[in-house]
Protein backbone atom coordinates (compact mmCIF):
# COMPACT_ATOMS: atom_id res chain seq x y z
CA MET A 1 15.24 56.93 -60.58
CA GLU A 2 15.46 55.20 -63.96
CA ALA A 3 12.79 55.91 -66.33
CA ASP A 4 11.02 52.93 -65.98
CA LYS A 5 10.37 52.64 -62.53
CA TRP A 6 9.74 56.75 -62.25
CA GLU A 7 7.00 56.05 -64.90
CA GLU A 8 5.20 52.97 -62.91
CA LEU A 9 5.22 55.81 -59.69
CA ASP A 10 3.14 58.05 -62.11
CA TRP A 11 0.87 55.51 -63.24
CA ARG A 12 -0.07 54.41 -59.67
CA ALA A 13 -0.09 57.78 -58.46
CA ALA A 14 -2.60 59.16 -61.09
CA SER A 15 -4.55 56.01 -60.57
CA ALA A 16 -5.00 56.65 -57.16
CA ILE A 17 -6.41 59.90 -57.88
CA ARG A 18 -8.84 58.75 -60.65
CA LEU A 19 -9.93 55.85 -57.93
CA CYS A 20 -11.01 59.29 -55.92
CA LEU A 21 -13.12 61.42 -58.42
CA THR A 22 -17.12 60.95 -59.17
CA LYS A 23 -17.91 59.91 -62.87
CA ASN A 24 -18.77 63.52 -63.82
CA VAL A 25 -15.59 64.78 -63.15
CA LEU A 26 -13.50 61.81 -64.29
CA ALA A 27 -15.32 62.65 -67.99
CA ASN A 28 -13.12 65.71 -67.73
CA VAL A 29 -9.73 63.83 -66.93
CA GLN A 30 -9.78 60.99 -68.93
CA ASN A 31 -7.84 61.71 -72.12
CA LEU A 32 -4.63 62.86 -69.33
CA SER A 33 -1.73 60.39 -69.09
CA SER A 34 0.37 62.00 -66.47
CA THR A 35 -0.56 62.65 -62.94
CA LYS A 36 0.95 66.04 -63.23
CA GLU A 37 -1.51 66.99 -66.38
CA LEU A 38 -4.59 65.14 -64.30
CA TRP A 39 -3.27 67.72 -61.14
CA GLU A 40 -3.20 70.56 -63.17
CA ARG A 41 -6.43 69.99 -64.83
CA LEU A 42 -8.40 69.87 -61.71
CA GLU A 43 -6.39 72.77 -59.93
CA TRP A 44 -8.03 74.79 -63.51
CA LEU A 45 -11.45 73.03 -62.90
CA TYR A 46 -11.85 73.48 -59.39
CA GLN A 47 -9.42 76.19 -57.77
CA GLN A 48 -10.85 78.94 -57.17
CA LYS A 49 -8.90 82.10 -58.01
CA ASP A 50 -10.46 84.97 -56.70
CA ILE A 51 -9.39 87.68 -53.86
CA SER A 52 -11.73 86.41 -51.40
CA ASN A 53 -10.60 83.14 -51.38
CA ARG A 54 -7.11 84.12 -51.17
CA LEU A 55 -8.00 86.22 -48.29
CA LEU A 56 -9.71 83.38 -46.23
CA LEU A 57 -6.60 81.14 -46.93
CA LYS A 58 -4.51 84.01 -45.37
CA GLU A 59 -6.69 83.91 -42.61
CA GLN A 60 -6.98 80.08 -42.25
CA PHE A 61 -3.08 80.39 -42.12
CA HIS A 62 -2.19 83.23 -39.57
CA ASN A 63 -4.81 81.24 -37.00
CA LEU A 64 -3.09 77.89 -37.90
CA CYS A 65 -1.83 76.60 -34.32
CA MET A 66 -0.28 74.03 -33.83
CA ASP A 67 -1.75 71.00 -30.93
CA GLU A 68 0.86 69.96 -28.33
C-alpha cells in the first residue's frame, strides 16, 4: 500500500475512534497522532490486567457457543 493512502486510512481510523470518546477521555488522548498510539493509550488507561479479569475472560471464552 502506498504511504499516502496508508496515512489517510490511519487518519480516518483515528478520527472514527475519537468520535466515539467522551470529552474527558478525549482529553487523555488529544496529542496522539497515529491510530496505534491512540489504541495503545486507551488500552493502558482502561484495560484491566489483574488475574480476576483474566479468569473471567477465560471462563467467557470457554462458555462461548456458536448459534446455528
